[in-house]
Amino acid sequence: MRVISEILLSQVNRQREEIARLGKEISTGLKVSRPGDSKQSGTIAEFRDTLEKIKGFREQISNATSFLNYQESIVNEANQIMIRAKEIATQAANETNDSVVRSQMAQEVFELRDHLVNLANSKYLGRYVYGGANDDEPPYAPNSTPYTNPASGAASVRYTFNEDADPGATVTRSVRVTDSITITVNTPGNQVFDNAIQALERLGRAMAGYETLPASGTPDGTGAAWTFPQDYQTQTKAIQNAIDLIDTAREQDIMPEQVKLAGRMRRLETASSILELSEENTNEILDKMQGTDVFDASSRLSYAQTSLQASLTVLSRGLGNTILEYL
């Protein structure tokens, strides 16, 4: 009798475990929830890891997209600044405007330059957008050696990129968005803004009545004050040259950057599509491997409950209520 009781008790325990397992399977919709539930548990774990990795890549894409959208708004604004600067320069180049009027118009040019510098020094989530790996200093700042003429005022300020102070300012950042796709998400500030800032600086100084040396390339801070009306034609020529520099900065730096940003965002969209397809395929495979057939599981649960009841009945008849109370 004791042996029979032990066999029946063992059977009842197994049946209860089976009922609990089937109940969990029905409630979760998963027939494999623990490593020991299936011989395919290892493979299932790998697919689950894949889904987690996809989730991480999606977050990277979302962050990168927001960052690139922010850059796009900056570069679009920079483009509008250059368009407005050319309008002012074209008007100033008209010789119906004397040197006094040109000097008055120069004020807006310097305001545009300062606005462009502020754009170049924009921050995103606490980091300088165009500062490369340098998060501590703005990409552009007034050079410690200002223009010699004038001694003060907006025309004396000479903005320069801080590459010499920190080589990290030219570093590019990349983001991995799939197992095989890595996207660059920034451009060093000097490649986007140097020529534009210098063009506006040359234009503003010319309109204010000052030459900027050397005649081409990066200004070195030198340049004398013109004397009017003797140097009026020289001033006009300098303004016209500045118009060419504005066009060059737009066509070779700012507009190409707009194209780069659009291309990077298209690559992010492509990566997102790849991840979406991979996620769908992985979920489909996982569903086949670990998903439960609720109807079948319900039938097996009903059968298990019936079997348990039968076992308990046998115990009740053979051993009496004492065992039932113990159970």
Protein backbone atom coordinates (compact mmCIF):
# COMPACT_ATOMS: atom_id res chain seq x y z
CA MET A 1 0.00 0.00 0.00
CA ARG A 2 2.84 2.37 0.86
CA VAL A 3 4.52 1.86 -2.52
CA ILE A 4 1.23 2.40 -4.33
CA SER A 5 0.64 5.58 -2.34
CA GLU A 6 4.06 6.93 -3.28
CA ILE A 7 3.44 6.17 -6.94
CA LEU A 8 0.04 7.88 -6.84
CA LEU A 9 1.46 10.91 -5.01
CA SER A 10 4.25 11.24 -7.55
CA GLN A 11 1.72 11.03 -10.37
CA VAL A 12 -0.49 13.67 -8.77
CA ASN A 13 2.48 16.04 -8.39
CA ARG A 14 3.44 15.59 -12.03
CA GLN A 15 -0.12 16.25 -13.11
CA ARG A 16 -0.27 19.39 -11.02
CA GLU A 17 2.99 20.63 -12.53
CA GLU A 18 1.63 19.91 -16.01
CA ILE A 19 -1.57 21.83 -15.25
CA ALA A 20 0.47 24.78 -13.95
CA ARG A 21 2.70 24.70 -17.04
CA LEU A 22 -0.25 24.55 -19.44
CA GLY A 23 -2.01 27.35 -17.57
CA LYS A 24 1.08 29.55 -17.91
CA GLU A 25 1.42 28.58 -21.57
CA ILE A 26 -2.15 29.67 -22.26
CA SER A 27 -1.87 32.92 -20.27
CA THR A 28 1.46 33.99 -21.83
CA GLY A 29 0.90 32.57 -25.29
CA LEU A 30 4.37 30.99 -25.09
CA LYS A 31 5.12 27.30 -24.92
CA VAL A 32 8.80 28.05 -24.24
CA SER A 33 9.48 30.54 -21.47
CA ARG A 34 12.41 28.94 -19.65
CA PRO A 35 15.67 27.41 -20.97
CA GLY A 36 14.58 23.89 -20.04
CA ASP A 37 11.18 24.06 -21.73
CA SER A 38 12.47 23.02 -25.15
CA LYS A 39 15.50 21.62 -26.95
CA GLN A 40 15.35 24.79 -29.06
CA SER A 41 15.72 27.07 -26.04
CA GLY A 42 19.28 28.05 -27.02
CA THR A 43 18.20 29.06 -30.51
CA ILE A 44 15.22 30.93 -29.11
CA ALA A 45 17.52 32.83 -26.74
CA GLU A 46 19.67 33.87 -29.70
CA PHE A 47 16.64 35.20 -31.57
CA ARG A 48 15.53 37.10 -28.48
CA ASP A 49 19.00 38.64 -28.26
CA THR A 50 18.63 39.65 -31.91
CA LEU A 51 15.40 41.47 -31.11
CA GLU A 52 17.10 43.31 -28.25
CA LYS A 53 19.92 44.31 -30.58
CA ILE A 54 17.39 45.57 -33.13
CA LYS A 55 15.74 47.61 -30.40
CA GLY A 56 19.10 49.19 -29.59
CA PHE A 57 19.75 49.98 -33.26
CA ARG A 58 16.30 51.59 -33.53
CA GLU A 59 17.15 53.88 -30.62
CA GLN A 60 20.42 54.80 -32.33
CA ILE A 61 18.56 55.62 -35.54
CA SER A 62 16.02 57.73 -33.68
CA ASN A 63 18.75 59.71 -31.92
CA ALA A 64 20.79 60.12 -35.10
CA THR A 65 17.73 61.26 -37.06
CA SER A 66 16.95 63.94 -34.48
CA PHE A 67 20.58 65.08 -34.53
CA LEU A 68 20.67 65.30 -38.32
CA ASN A 69 17.33 67.13 -38.44
CA TYR A 70 18.77 69.68 -36.02
CA GLN A 71 21.83 70.12 -38.23
CA GLU A 72 19.62 70.51 -41.27
CA SER A 73 17.78 73.41 -39.64
CA ILE A 74 21.14 75.04 -38.79
CA VAL A 75 22.52 74.71 -42.31
CA ASN A 76 19.27 75.92 -43.87
CA GLU A 77 19.42 79.01 -41.67
CA ALA A 78 23.07 79.53 -42.62
CA ASN A 79 22.09 79.39 -46.27
CA GLN A 80 19.46 82.09 -45.72
CA ILE A 81 22.06 84.25 -43.97
CA MET A 82 24.33 84.06 -46.99
CA ILE A 83 21.48 84.89 -49.34
CA ARG A 84 20.65 87.98 -47.29
CA ALA A 85 24.33 88.97 -47.13
CA LYS A 86 24.57 88.83 -50.91
CA GLU A 87 21.49 91.03 -51.21
CA ILE A 88 23.12 93.63 -48.95
CA ALA A 89 26.45 93.36 -50.79
CA THR A 90 24.81 93.76 -54.18
CA GLN A 91 23.03 96.87 -52.96
CA ALA A 92 26.20 98.25 -51.38
CA ALA A 93 28.23 97.64 -54.54
CA ASN A 94 25.95 100.08 -56.35
CA GLU A 95 27.95 103.29 -56.53
CA THR A 96 24.90 105.42 -55.84
CA ASN A 97 25.72 104.61 -52.20
CA ASP A 98 28.58 106.64 -50.74
CA SER A 99 31.03 105.36 -48.14
CA VAL A 100 28.89 106.68 -45.27
CA VAL A 101 25.82 104.74 -46.40
CA ARG A 102 27.94 101.64 -46.94
CA SER A 103 29.31 101.94 -43.43
CA GLN A 104 25.79 102.13 -42.04
CA MET A 105 24.79 99.04 -44.03
CA ALA A 106 27.82 97.16 -42.69
CA GLN A 107 26.16 96.89 -39.29
CA GLU A 108 23.65 94.32 -40.58
CA VAL A 109 26.45 92.34 -42.19
CA PHE A 110 28.26 92.03 -38.86
CA GLU A 111 24.99 90.99 -37.22
CA LEU A 112 24.64 88.28 -39.86
CA ARG A 113 28.21 87.16 -39.23
CA ASP A 114 27.61 86.96 -35.49
CA HIS A 115 24.42 85.00 -36.09
CA LEU A 116 26.32 82.60 -38.34
CA VAL A 117 28.96 82.13 -35.62
CA ASN A 118 26.20 81.36 -33.11
CA LEU A 119 24.83 78.72 -35.48
CA ALA A 120 28.30 77.22 -35.85
CA ASN A 121 28.53 77.09 -32.04
CA SER A 122 25.14 75.40 -31.62
CA LYS A 123 24.78 72.71 -28.96
CA TYR A 124 22.72 69.53 -29.06
CA LEU A 125 22.17 67.61 -25.82
CA GLY A 126 25.07 69.46 -24.22
CA ARG A 127 27.55 68.88 -27.05
CA TYR A 128 28.78 71.30 -29.68
CA VAL A 129 27.32 70.12 -32.97
CA TYR A 130 30.34 71.23 -35.00
CA GLY A 131 32.97 70.82 -32.29
CA GLY A 132 34.07 67.30 -33.21
CA ALA A 133 35.33 65.55 -30.08
CA ASN A 134 35.78 68.84 -28.21
CA ASP A 135 32.75 69.32 -25.97
CA ASP A 136 34.35 71.91 -23.71
CA GLU A 137 35.01 74.83 -26.07
CA PRO A 138 32.91 76.39 -28.85
CA PRO A 139 34.22 75.74 -32.37
CA TYR A 140 34.46 79.48 -33.09
CA ALA A 141 35.67 82.28 -30.85
CA PRO A 142 37.19 85.74 -31.32
CA ASN A 143 40.88 85.34 -32.08
CA SER A 144 43.21 86.60 -29.37
CA THR A 145 44.76 88.81 -32.05
CA PRO A 146 41.95 91.00 -33.44
CA TYR A 147 42.15 93.16 -36.54
CA THR A 148 44.56 96.03 -36.14
CA ASN A 149 42.08 98.42 -37.78
CA PRO A 150 39.74 99.48 -36.31
CA ALA A 151 40.91 99.17 -32.71
CA SER A 152 37.45 98.21 -31.44
CA GLY A 153 33.91 97.46 -32.55
CA ALA A 154 32.37 94.73 -34.68
CA ALA A 155 34.85 95.29 -37.54
CA SER A 156 37.77 94.55 -35.22
CA VAL A 157 36.58 91.06 -34.23
CA ARG A 158 38.23 88.18 -36.07
CA TYR A 159 36.54 84.80 -35.60
CA THR A 160 38.63 81.67 -36.07
CA PHE A 161 38.05 77.94 -35.76
CA ASN A 162 39.70 76.41 -32.69
CA GLU A 163 41.43 73.60 -34.59
CA ASP A 164 44.87 74.82 -33.53
CA ALA A 165 43.81 74.92 -29.88
CA ASP A 166 42.23 71.46 -29.99
CA PRO A 167 42.81 69.03 -32.89
CA GLY A 168 39.79 67.07 -31.64
CA ALA A 169 37.59 69.78 -33.13
CA THR A 170 38.01 68.18 -36.56
CA VAL A 171 37.01 64.67 -35.43
CA THR A 172 33.89 63.14 -36.95
CA ARG A 173 31.41 61.01 -35.02
CA SER A 174 29.89 57.80 -36.38
CA VAL A 175 26.89 55.76 -35.29
CA ARG A 176 26.39 52.05 -35.94
CA VAL A 177 22.76 51.53 -36.96
CA THR A 178 22.82 47.91 -38.17
CA ASP A 179 25.36 45.10 -38.05
CA SER A 180 26.76 46.32 -41.38
CA ILE A 181 25.89 50.04 -41.59
CA THR A 182 27.75 52.84 -39.82
CA ILE A 183 26.81 56.45 -40.54
CA THR A 184 28.83 59.62 -39.97
CA VAL A 185 26.60 62.10 -38.14
CA ASN A 186 28.65 65.29 -38.12
CA THR A 187 30.96 67.45 -40.20
CA PRO A 188 33.82 69.49 -38.70
CA GLY A 189 32.70 73.10 -38.34
CA ASN A 190 35.51 74.59 -40.39
CA GLN A 191 34.41 72.61 -43.44
CA VAL A 192 30.96 74.18 -43.26
CA PHE A 193 31.44 77.67 -41.84
CA ASP A 194 35.02 78.90 -42.30
CA ASN A 195 34.62 80.36 -45.78
CA ALA A 196 31.18 81.76 -45.00
CA ILE A 197 32.31 83.55 -41.83
CA GLN A 198 35.39 84.93 -43.55
CA ALA A 199 33.32 86.11 -46.52
CA LEU A 200 30.96 88.02 -44.24
CA GLU A 201 33.88 89.42 -42.27
CA ARG A 202 35.55 90.68 -45.43
CA LEU A 203 32.28 92.12 -46.69
CA GLY A 204 31.46 93.90 -43.43
CA ARG A 205 34.95 95.35 -43.11
CA ALA A 206 34.97 96.50 -46.73
CA MET A 207 31.63 98.25 -46.30
CA ALA A 208 32.85 99.78 -43.03
CA GLY A 209 35.90 101.19 -44.83
CA TYR A 210 38.71 98.73 -44.03
CA GLU A 211 40.82 96.46 -46.17
CA THR A 212 41.38 92.85 -45.09
CA LEU A 213 44.71 91.13 -45.69
CA PRO A 214 45.85 88.97 -47.25
CA ALA A 215 43.68 89.65 -50.27
CA SER A 216 42.65 85.97 -50.40
CA GLY A 217 42.59 83.08 -47.99
CA THR A 218 42.28 83.30 -44.23
CA PRO A 219 42.50 86.87 -42.87
CA ASP A 220 45.52 87.44 -40.63
CA GLY A 221 44.21 90.48 -38.76
CA THR A 222 45.97 93.15 -40.78
CA GLY A 223 44.47 95.75 -43.07
CA ALA A 224 44.51 99.54 -43.17
CA ALA A 225 41.64 101.99 -43.06
CA TRP A 226 40.73 103.44 -46.42
CA THR A 227 40.61 107.15 -47.11
CA PHE A 228 37.59 108.51 -48.91
CA PRO A 229 36.80 109.53 -51.53
CA GLN A 230 40.24 108.45 -52.84
CA ASP A 231 39.73 104.73 -52.02
CA TYR A 232 36.08 104.55 -53.05
CA GLN A 233 36.75 102.39 -56.13
CA THR A 234 38.99 100.11 -54.08
CA GLN A 235 36.14 99.70 -51.62
CA THR A 236 33.71 98.88 -54.43
CA LYS A 237 36.09 96.24 -55.78
CA ALA A 238 36.46 94.68 -52.32
CA ILE A 239 32.67 94.47 -51.94
CA GLN A 240 32.38 92.80 -55.35
CA ASN A 241 35.09 90.32 -54.39
CA ALA A 242 33.17 89.55 -51.20
CA ILE A 243 30.10 88.73 -53.28
CA ASP A 244 32.16 86.09 -55.11
CA LEU A 245 33.33 84.70 -51.77
CA ILE A 246 29.73 84.50 -50.53
CA ASP A 247 28.73 82.56 -53.64
CA THR A 248 31.71 80.23 -53.23
CA ALA A 249 30.91 79.56 -49.57
CA ARG A 250 27.30 78.73 -50.42
CA GLU A 251 28.06 76.59 -53.45
CA GLN A 252 31.10 74.72 -52.14
CA ASP A 253 30.40 74.42 -48.40
CA ILE A 254 26.87 75.13 -47.22
CA MET A 255 24.82 73.66 -50.06
CA PRO A 256 26.99 70.51 -50.28
CA GLU A 257 26.47 70.08 -46.54
CA GLN A 258 22.71 70.18 -47.14
CA VAL A 259 23.16 67.40 -49.69
CA LYS A 260 25.31 65.38 -47.25
CA LEU A 261 22.69 65.66 -44.53
CA ALA A 262 19.95 64.54 -46.89
CA GLY A 263 22.08 61.56 -47.92
CA ARG A 264 22.76 60.58 -44.33
CA MET A 265 19.08 60.72 -43.49
CA ARG A 266 18.27 58.53 -46.49
CA ARG A 267 20.80 55.97 -45.24
CA LEU A 268 19.10 56.05 -41.84
CA GLU A 269 15.77 55.40 -43.53
CA THR A 270 17.32 52.47 -45.40
CA ALA A 271 18.76 51.08 -42.17
CA SER A 272 15.38 51.47 -40.48
CA SER A 273 13.71 49.50 -43.29
CA ILE A 274 16.32 46.74 -42.98
CA LEU A 275 15.74 46.52 -39.23
CA GLU A 276 11.98 46.44 -39.69
CA LEU A 277 12.25 43.51 -42.10
CA SER A 278 14.70 41.71 -39.82
CA GLU A 279 12.43 42.26 -36.83
CA GLU A 280 9.41 40.89 -38.70
CA ASN A 281 11.30 37.79 -39.82
CA THR A 282 12.74 37.17 -36.35
CA ASN A 283 9.35 37.55 -34.68
CA GLU A 284 7.80 35.19 -37.22
CA ILE A 285 10.42 32.52 -36.54
CA LEU A 286 10.13 32.99 -32.79
CA ASP A 287 6.38 32.72 -32.96
CA LYS A 288 6.68 29.37 -34.72
CA MET A 289 9.27 28.12 -32.26
CA GLN A 290 7.82 29.32 -28.97
CA GLY A 291 4.26 30.42 -29.69
CA THR A 292 1.53 28.16 -28.35
CA ASP A 293 -1.58 26.80 -30.03
CA VAL A 294 -4.13 28.02 -27.50
CA PHE A 295 -6.84 25.57 -28.65
CA ASP A 296 -4.46 22.60 -28.40
CA ALA A 297 -3.08 23.78 -25.05
CA SER A 298 -6.62 24.23 -23.70
CA SER A 299 -7.51 20.68 -24.76
CA ARG A 300 -4.40 19.31 -23.07
CA LEU A 301 -5.15 21.35 -19.96
CA SER A 302 -8.66 19.94 -19.81
CA TYR A 303 -7.30 16.41 -20.22
CA ALA A 304 -4.68 17.01 -17.51
CA GLN A 305 -7.31 18.35 -15.11
CA THR A 306 -9.49 15.29 -15.76
CA SER A 307 -6.53 12.98 -15.19
CA LEU A 308 -5.68 14.75 -11.95
CA GLN A 309 -9.24 14.39 -10.74
CA ALA A 310 -9.14 10.69 -11.55
CA SER A 311 -5.89 10.25 -9.64
CA LEU A 312 -7.31 12.07 -6.64
CA THR A 313 -10.38 9.83 -6.76
CA VAL A 314 -8.19 6.74 -6.68
CA LEU A 315 -6.28 8.14 -3.72
CA SER A 316 -9.51 8.97 -1.95
CA ARG A 317 -10.86 5.46 -2.33
CA GLY A 318 -7.64 3.69 -1.47
CA LEU A 319 -6.27 5.79 1.34
CA GLY A 320 -9.18 7.74 2.73
CA ASN A 321 -9.40 11.40 3.67
CA THR A 322 -6.15 11.43 5.63
CA ILE A 323 -4.02 11.54 2.52
CA LEU A 324 -6.30 14.13 0.92
CA GLU A 325 -5.90 16.37 3.92
CA TYR A 326 -2.15 15.89 3.75
CA LEU A 327 -2.19 16.88 0.09
